[in-house]
Amino acid sequence: MDYIIRTATSSDLNSILEIVNHAIANTTAIYDYDPRTLEQQAFIFETKRANGFPTFIVESNNNA
């Protein structure tokens, strides 16, 4: 299986949100109590990007 690591774009936000909300509901990795909205996650993503903190995506078989 081939993997590609790339910088996330805004088109990845739905997938990122799904992963984040799963972690909120099922782990203690993220200390939020309520699932995030797409707008909340977009704000976090854009704030990190504006401050020079990239978000990375790993794709396998061209699926993020």
Protein backbone atom coordinates (compact mmCIF):
# COMPACT_ATOMS: atom_id res chain seq x y z
CA MET A 1 0.00 0.00 0.00
CA ASP A 2 1.34 3.40 -0.96
CA TYR A 3 0.93 6.42 1.28
CA ILE A 4 1.08 10.10 0.43
CA ILE A 5 1.61 12.72 3.14
CA ARG A 6 0.49 16.19 2.16
CA THR A 7 -0.61 19.47 3.68
CA ALA A 8 -4.36 19.63 4.31
CA THR A 9 -6.56 21.99 2.37
CA SER A 10 -10.00 23.33 3.13
CA SER A 11 -11.47 20.56 0.96
CA ASP A 12 -10.28 18.09 3.65
CA LEU A 13 -12.31 19.72 6.43
CA ASN A 14 -15.24 17.28 6.31
CA SER A 15 -12.89 14.31 6.76
CA ILE A 16 -10.95 16.10 9.50
CA LEU A 17 -14.19 16.95 11.27
CA GLU A 18 -15.32 13.32 11.16
CA ILE A 19 -12.05 12.18 12.76
CA VAL A 20 -12.09 14.96 15.38
CA ASN A 21 -15.71 14.30 16.37
CA HIS A 22 -15.03 10.58 16.66
CA ALA A 23 -12.14 11.37 19.00
CA ILE A 24 -14.32 13.72 21.07
CA ALA A 25 -17.02 11.07 21.46
CA ASN A 26 -14.82 8.04 22.04
CA THR A 27 -11.46 9.06 23.53
CA THR A 28 -9.78 11.47 25.89
CA ALA A 29 -7.43 12.72 23.16
CA ILE A 30 -9.49 15.89 22.74
CA TYR A 31 -11.04 17.41 25.85
CA ASP A 32 -14.19 18.78 24.27
CA TYR A 33 -17.59 17.53 25.41
CA ASP A 34 -19.67 18.46 22.38
CA PRO A 35 -19.03 17.60 18.75
CA ARG A 36 -17.62 20.42 16.67
CA THR A 37 -19.45 22.03 13.80
CA LEU A 38 -17.87 22.47 10.41
CA GLU A 39 -17.67 26.21 11.08
CA GLN A 40 -15.79 25.65 14.35
CA GLN A 41 -13.35 23.24 12.74
CA ALA A 42 -12.80 25.60 9.80
CA PHE A 43 -11.97 28.43 12.23
CA ILE A 44 -9.45 26.21 14.06
CA PHE A 45 -7.93 25.07 10.76
CA GLU A 46 -7.58 28.60 9.37
CA THR A 47 -6.19 29.96 12.65
CA LYS A 48 -3.52 27.26 12.77
CA ARG A 49 -2.63 27.81 9.12
CA ALA A 50 -2.41 31.60 9.60
CA ASN A 51 0.00 31.05 12.51
CA GLY A 52 2.26 28.73 10.53
CA PHE A 53 1.04 25.41 11.94
CA PRO A 54 0.28 23.02 9.09
CA THR A 55 -2.20 20.17 9.25
CA PHE A 56 -1.11 17.01 7.46
CA ILE A 57 -3.19 14.40 5.67
CA VAL A 58 -2.12 10.83 4.97
CA GLU A 59 -3.70 9.29 1.90
CA SER A 60 -3.65 5.61 1.05
CA ASN A 61 -4.61 4.52 -2.45
CA ASN A 62 -5.55 8.16 -3.19
CA ASN A 63 -8.17 8.30 -0.40
CA ALA A 64 -7.74 10.89 2.36
